[in-house]
Structure formats: C-alpha cells, structure tokens
Amino acid sequence: MLISAAYAQEAGSAGGGDFFVQIMPLLLIFVVFYFLLIRPQQKKMKAHRDMVGGLQRGDKVITGGGLFATVSKVEEDVLVLEIADGVRVKAARNTITEVNAKPVPRNDNDSKESASDGKNN
C-alpha cells in the first residue's frame, strides 16, 4: 500500500527539472573531453602545420619513419631530402615529425675572428 502511494507522488511531479539534471552529466563529460583531449590535439596539429609550412632548404629533419635527413629542395607538397652524400629521396611534407636544427647563417667576419682567437691561445 505504501509503495503505490510513492509511485503516485513521483508521477505527479513536474518533469522540466528532471531533464536538466539528466543532461548535465553529459554536458560535463563533453566539457572535460574538450579541454583534456580536443583542444590540446588542435594545438598540436596547428604547431605541426606551422612547422611543416616553415621548412626551408638546409633544415635538418626527422621523418615519420625515423630517417635523419637534410632538406635539399622544397616543393609544394613534396620535399627532396638528402639522407646521405648524394642520396636524395622525395617525401611528403606531412611525414616530417621534427625539425632538429635550422641552419644558422654564418658571417665571414665571425669565422675569421674565431679562427684568429684559436691561433692566439
């Protein structure tokens, strides 16, 4: 007898607040996924896109397959990589995973000064 009275009271209550309470955990899960998974992945993709877009001749790179190479020629979607003296291969731009070192332009005056400093010691 008491159980049927409890069911009768629950059925008569307003249902508008219950929907919001039911949907709240789903919204909370989406927000957590956005900040922990989606947003960092988008930042990583943007950084990789900028890195690949900024590649130029002379950059030392690592490919997705683990090859250490130097960029010999930059084309639209393809890079010509030199993996050994006289050995050149073509690779898609997106396969570059890391830039090891950018070439540093050397002034002739700096090299002469460092050479003369070494002789005086």
C-alpha atoms as a PDB file:
ATOM      1  CA  MET A   1       0.000   0.000   0.000  1.00  0.00           C
ATOM      2  CA  LEU A   2       2.807   2.456   0.799  1.00  0.00           C
ATOM      3  CA  ILE A   3       4.702   1.647  -2.412  1.00  0.00           C
ATOM      4  CA  SER A   4       1.759   2.571  -4.648  1.00  0.00           C
ATOM      5  CA  ALA A   5       1.421   5.908  -2.855  1.00  0.00           C
ATOM      6  CA  ALA A   6       5.103   6.690  -3.515  1.00  0.00           C
ATOM      7  CA  TYR A   7       4.765   5.961  -7.235  1.00  0.00           C
ATOM      8  CA  ALA A   8       1.689   8.166  -7.397  1.00  0.00           C
ATOM      9  CA  GLN A   9       3.563  11.098  -5.870  1.00  0.00           C
ATOM     10  CA  GLU A  10       6.514  10.750  -8.269  1.00  0.00           C
ATOM     11  CA  ALA A  11       4.322  10.655 -11.352  1.00  0.00           C
ATOM     12  CA  GLY A  12       2.589  13.893 -10.438  1.00  0.00           C
ATOM     13  CA  SER A  13       5.809  15.960 -10.085  1.00  0.00           C
ATOM     14  CA  ALA A  14       6.974  18.430 -12.744  1.00  0.00           C
ATOM     15  CA  GLY A  15       9.336  16.895 -15.344  1.00  0.00           C
ATOM     16  CA  GLY A  16      11.143  20.076 -16.511  1.00  0.00           C
ATOM     17  CA  GLY A  17      13.836  19.995 -13.818  1.00  0.00           C
ATOM     18  CA  ASP A  18      14.498  16.299 -14.290  1.00  0.00           C
ATOM     19  CA  PHE A  19      15.551  16.753 -17.929  1.00  0.00           C
ATOM     20  CA  PHE A  20      18.166  19.349 -16.984  1.00  0.00           C
ATOM     21  CA  VAL A  21      19.523  17.117 -14.231  1.00  0.00           C
ATOM     22  CA  GLN A  22      19.735  14.178 -16.655  1.00  0.00           C
ATOM     23  CA  ILE A  23      21.524  16.143 -19.388  1.00  0.00           C
ATOM     24  CA  MET A  24      24.001  17.858 -17.011  1.00  0.00           C
ATOM     25  CA  PRO A  25      26.446  14.878 -16.696  1.00  0.00           C
ATOM     26  CA  LEU A  26      26.622  14.570 -20.493  1.00  0.00           C
ATOM     27  CA  LEU A  27      27.460  18.262 -20.829  1.00  0.00           C
ATOM     28  CA  LEU A  28      30.067  17.973 -18.091  1.00  0.00           C
ATOM     29  CA  ILE A  29      31.688  14.990 -19.850  1.00  0.00           C
ATOM     30  CA  PHE A  30      31.791  16.917 -23.148  1.00  0.00           C
ATOM     31  CA  VAL A  31      33.444  19.924 -21.480  1.00  0.00           C
ATOM     32  CA  VAL A  32      36.058  17.699 -19.837  1.00  0.00           C
ATOM     33  CA  PHE A  33      36.774  15.920 -23.144  1.00  0.00           C
ATOM     34  CA  TYR A  34      37.105  19.262 -24.918  1.00  0.00           C
ATOM     35  CA  PHE A  35      39.688  20.653 -22.511  1.00  0.00           C
ATOM     36  CA  LEU A  36      41.622  17.424 -21.947  1.00  0.00           C
ATOM     37  CA  LEU A  37      41.585  15.879 -25.433  1.00  0.00           C
ATOM     38  CA  ILE A  38      40.233  18.006 -28.269  1.00  0.00           C
ATOM     39  CA  ARG A  39      41.842  21.379 -27.523  1.00  0.00           C
ATOM     40  CA  PRO A  40      45.391  20.061 -26.909  1.00  0.00           C
ATOM     41  CA  GLN A  41      45.174  17.969 -30.088  1.00  0.00           C
ATOM     42  CA  GLN A  42      44.143  21.029 -32.102  1.00  0.00           C
ATOM     43  CA  LYS A  43      47.088  22.997 -30.677  1.00  0.00           C
ATOM     44  CA  LYS A  44      49.466  20.154 -31.556  1.00  0.00           C
ATOM     45  CA  MET A  45      48.104  19.949 -35.112  1.00  0.00           C
ATOM     46  CA  LYS A  46      48.471  23.723 -35.565  1.00  0.00           C
ATOM     47  CA  ALA A  47      52.071  23.635 -34.309  1.00  0.00           C
ATOM     48  CA  HIS A  48      52.900  20.763 -36.699  1.00  0.00           C
ATOM     49  CA  ARG A  49      51.238  22.574 -39.620  1.00  0.00           C
ATOM     50  CA  ASP A  50      53.268  25.724 -38.855  1.00  0.00           C
ATOM     51  CA  MET A  51      56.485  23.710 -38.527  1.00  0.00           C
ATOM     52  CA  VAL A  52      55.931  21.916 -41.841  1.00  0.00           C
ATOM     53  CA  GLY A  53      54.950  25.176 -43.533  1.00  0.00           C
ATOM     54  CA  GLY A  54      58.167  26.832 -42.383  1.00  0.00           C
ATOM     55  CA  LEU A  55      60.546  24.201 -43.736  1.00  0.00           C
ATOM     56  CA  GLN A  56      63.296  25.503 -45.982  1.00  0.00           C
ATOM     57  CA  ARG A  57      66.424  24.265 -47.692  1.00  0.00           C
ATOM     58  CA  GLY A  58      69.133  23.223 -45.270  1.00  0.00           C
ATOM     59  CA  ASP A  59      66.858  22.277 -42.346  1.00  0.00           C
ATOM     60  CA  LYS A  60      67.784  19.054 -40.591  1.00  0.00           C
ATOM     61  CA  VAL A  61      64.647  16.972 -40.062  1.00  0.00           C
ATOM     62  CA  ILE A  62      63.414  13.612 -38.814  1.00  0.00           C
ATOM     63  CA  THR A  63      60.757  11.811 -40.848  1.00  0.00           C
ATOM     64  CA  GLY A  64      57.919   9.686 -39.536  1.00  0.00           C
ATOM     65  CA  GLY A  65      59.916   6.595 -40.489  1.00  0.00           C
ATOM     66  CA  GLY A  66      62.862   7.694 -38.361  1.00  0.00           C
ATOM     67  CA  LEU A  67      65.169   8.911 -41.129  1.00  0.00           C
ATOM     68  CA  PHE A  68      67.501  11.781 -40.271  1.00  0.00           C
ATOM     69  CA  ALA A  69      67.818  13.982 -43.342  1.00  0.00           C
ATOM     70  CA  THR A  70      68.599  17.445 -44.647  1.00  0.00           C
ATOM     71  CA  VAL A  71      66.073  19.284 -46.799  1.00  0.00           C
ATOM     72  CA  SER A  72      67.579  19.743 -50.284  1.00  0.00           C
ATOM     73  CA  LYS A  73      64.611  21.132 -52.163  1.00  0.00           C
ATOM     74  CA  VAL A  74      61.180  22.365 -51.120  1.00  0.00           C
ATOM     75  CA  GLU A  75      58.241  21.888 -53.454  1.00  0.00           C
ATOM     76  CA  GLU A  76      54.527  22.423 -52.825  1.00  0.00           C
ATOM     77  CA  ASP A  77      53.610  19.126 -51.137  1.00  0.00           C
ATOM     78  CA  VAL A  78      56.901  17.259 -51.557  1.00  0.00           C
ATOM     79  CA  LEU A  79      60.348  17.686 -50.033  1.00  0.00           C
ATOM     80  CA  VAL A  80      63.565  16.344 -51.509  1.00  0.00           C
ATOM     81  CA  LEU A  81      65.606  15.041 -48.590  1.00  0.00           C
ATOM     82  CA  GLU A  82      69.283  14.161 -48.597  1.00  0.00           C
ATOM     83  CA  ILE A  83      69.806  11.205 -46.281  1.00  0.00           C
ATOM     84  CA  ALA A  84      73.484  10.649 -47.206  1.00  0.00           C
ATOM     85  CA  ASP A  85      76.018  12.265 -49.511  1.00  0.00           C
ATOM     86  CA  GLY A  86      74.460  12.121 -52.961  1.00  0.00           C
ATOM     87  CA  VAL A  87      71.432  10.077 -51.817  1.00  0.00           C
ATOM     88  CA  ARG A  88      68.217  12.017 -52.240  1.00  0.00           C
ATOM     89  CA  VAL A  89      64.655  10.859 -51.663  1.00  0.00           C
ATOM     90  CA  LYS A  90      61.283  12.502 -52.049  1.00  0.00           C
ATOM     91  CA  ALA A  91      58.998  12.671 -49.026  1.00  0.00           C
ATOM     92  CA  ALA A  92      55.584  14.147 -48.395  1.00  0.00           C
ATOM     93  CA  ARG A  93      55.681  17.266 -46.240  1.00  0.00           C
ATOM     94  CA  ASN A  94      53.344  15.782 -43.640  1.00  0.00           C
ATOM     95  CA  THR A  95      55.718  12.904 -42.902  1.00  0.00           C
ATOM     96  CA  ILE A  96      58.173  15.285 -41.232  1.00  0.00           C
ATOM     97  CA  THR A  97      57.781  14.868 -37.488  1.00  0.00           C
ATOM     98  CA  GLU A  98      60.537  17.073 -36.108  1.00  0.00           C
ATOM     99  CA  VAL A  99      63.000  19.762 -37.144  1.00  0.00           C
ATOM    100  CA  ASN A 100      66.354  19.086 -35.490  1.00  0.00           C
ATOM    101  CA  ALA A 101      68.185  22.269 -36.364  1.00  0.00           C
ATOM    102  CA  LYS A 102      67.657  25.291 -38.518  1.00  0.00           C
ATOM    103  CA  PRO A 103      70.713  26.373 -40.495  1.00  0.00           C
ATOM    104  CA  VAL A 104      72.383  29.364 -38.891  1.00  0.00           C
ATOM    105  CA  PRO A 105      73.754  31.879 -41.382  1.00  0.00           C
ATOM    106  CA  ARG A 106      77.433  32.427 -40.727  1.00  0.00           C
ATOM    107  CA  ASN A 107      79.163  35.758 -41.263  1.00  0.00           C
ATOM    108  CA  ASP A 108      82.621  35.533 -42.802  1.00  0.00           C
ATOM    109  CA  ASN A 109      83.876  38.037 -40.228  1.00  0.00           C
ATOM    110  CA  ASP A 110      82.745  35.806 -37.344  1.00  0.00           C
ATOM    111  CA  SER A 111      84.589  32.775 -38.711  1.00  0.00           C
ATOM    112  CA  LYS A 112      87.808  34.760 -39.231  1.00  0.00           C
ATOM    113  CA  GLU A 113      87.660  36.178 -35.693  1.00  0.00           C
ATOM    114  CA  SER A 114      87.097  32.743 -34.132  1.00  0.00           C
ATOM    115  CA  ALA A 115      89.957  31.293 -36.206  1.00  0.00           C
ATOM    116  CA  SER A 116      92.327  34.083 -35.140  1.00  0.00           C
ATOM    117  CA  ASP A 117      91.266  33.664 -31.481  1.00  0.00           C
ATOM    118  CA  GLY A 118      92.189  29.989 -31.646  1.00  0.00           C
ATOM    119  CA  LYS A 119      95.669  30.781 -33.019  1.00  0.00           C
ATOM    120  CA  ASN A 120      96.459  33.281 -30.270  1.00  0.00           C
ATOM    121  CA  ASN A 121      95.745  30.810 -27.455  1.00  0.00           C
END
